[in-house]
Amino acid sequence: MSLQDDLSAVRRNLDELTRKVERLEQQAARQKPSTTTAAGPDPSRMVTVPDTPYDSSLWTDSDDEGLGARDRRAP
């Protein structure tokens, strides 16, 4: 491909992208505004995660993810 062919392809893609963005903007303008307000998350549904490290005994008998069990060989 020549440089001219590449530039023509880029121009076509850019024109197509511009048309699609304009169509999306028109569709968004036709949408009815939502009756709900975006006030943020509901505090009653939020869960506090502590910053303290997890107890290492939680992982005592676990397998290494993707590696299998420690005492066996991978196939």
Protein backbone atom coordinates (compact mmCIF):
# COMPACT_ATOMS: atom_id res chain seq x y z
CA MET A 1 0.00 0.00 0.00
CA SER A 2 1.18 3.47 -0.77
CA LEU A 3 1.11 6.43 1.53
CA GLN A 4 -1.78 7.89 -0.47
CA ASP A 5 -3.80 4.68 0.01
CA ASP A 6 -3.10 4.76 3.74
CA LEU A 7 -4.19 8.39 4.00
CA SER A 8 -7.38 7.65 2.06
CA ALA A 9 -8.19 4.75 4.39
CA VAL A 10 -7.59 6.93 7.44
CA ARG A 11 -9.86 9.65 6.01
CA ARG A 12 -12.65 7.12 5.34
CA ASN A 13 -12.36 5.72 8.87
CA LEU A 14 -12.37 9.22 10.36
CA ASP A 15 -15.45 10.20 8.33
CA GLU A 16 -17.23 7.03 9.44
CA LEU A 17 -16.31 7.70 13.08
CA THR A 18 -17.58 11.28 12.79
CA ARG A 19 -20.92 10.06 11.38
CA LYS A 20 -21.31 7.51 14.17
CA VAL A 21 -20.51 10.05 16.89
CA GLU A 22 -23.06 12.47 15.41
CA ARG A 23 -25.66 9.68 15.35
CA LEU A 24 -24.93 8.84 19.00
CA GLU A 25 -25.24 12.51 19.97
CA GLN A 26 -28.63 12.69 18.23
CA GLN A 27 -29.83 9.53 19.98
CA ALA A 28 -28.67 10.87 23.34
CA ALA A 29 -30.48 14.15 22.74
CA ARG A 30 -33.72 12.27 22.04
CA GLN A 31 -33.49 10.26 25.26
CA LYS A 32 -35.74 11.44 28.03
CA PRO A 33 -33.85 12.62 31.10
CA SER A 34 -33.90 10.18 33.96
CA THR A 35 -36.21 10.94 36.86
CA THR A 36 -33.68 9.63 39.35
CA THR A 37 -30.85 11.83 40.48
CA ALA A 38 -27.26 10.70 40.65
CA ALA A 39 -26.81 11.48 44.32
CA GLY A 40 -24.16 8.81 44.83
CA PRO A 41 -24.07 5.38 46.43
CA ASP A 42 -26.48 4.39 49.16
CA PRO A 43 -24.46 4.49 52.41
CA SER A 44 -26.59 1.72 53.93
CA ARG A 45 -25.29 -0.70 51.25
CA MET A 46 -21.60 0.18 51.67
CA VAL A 47 -19.26 -2.30 53.33
CA THR A 48 -16.19 -1.15 55.23
CA VAL A 49 -13.03 -3.07 54.37
CA PRO A 50 -10.38 -2.88 57.09
CA ASP A 51 -6.82 -1.81 56.29
CA THR A 52 -5.33 -4.42 58.62
CA PRO A 53 -3.61 -7.42 56.98
CA TYR A 54 -5.53 -10.67 56.66
CA ASP A 55 -4.75 -13.53 59.00
CA SER A 56 -2.28 -15.78 57.15
CA SER A 57 -4.04 -18.88 58.51
CA LEU A 58 -6.84 -18.15 56.04
CA TRP A 59 -4.53 -19.30 53.25
CA THR A 60 -3.01 -22.38 54.96
CA ASP A 61 -4.57 -25.12 52.82
CA SER A 62 -5.21 -23.11 49.67
CA ASP A 63 -3.82 -23.87 46.22
CA ASP A 64 -1.83 -21.28 44.32
CA GLU A 65 -4.25 -20.00 41.72
CA GLY A 66 -3.37 -21.37 38.33
CA LEU A 67 -0.50 -23.47 39.67
CA GLY A 68 -2.39 -26.28 41.38
CA ALA A 69 -1.64 -27.92 44.68
CA ARG A 70 1.82 -27.47 46.26
CA ASP A 71 2.45 -31.18 46.75
CA ARG A 72 1.62 -32.26 43.17
CA ARG A 73 3.24 -31.71 39.80
CA ALA A 74 1.52 -29.85 37.01
CA PRO A 75 0.59 -32.01 34.02
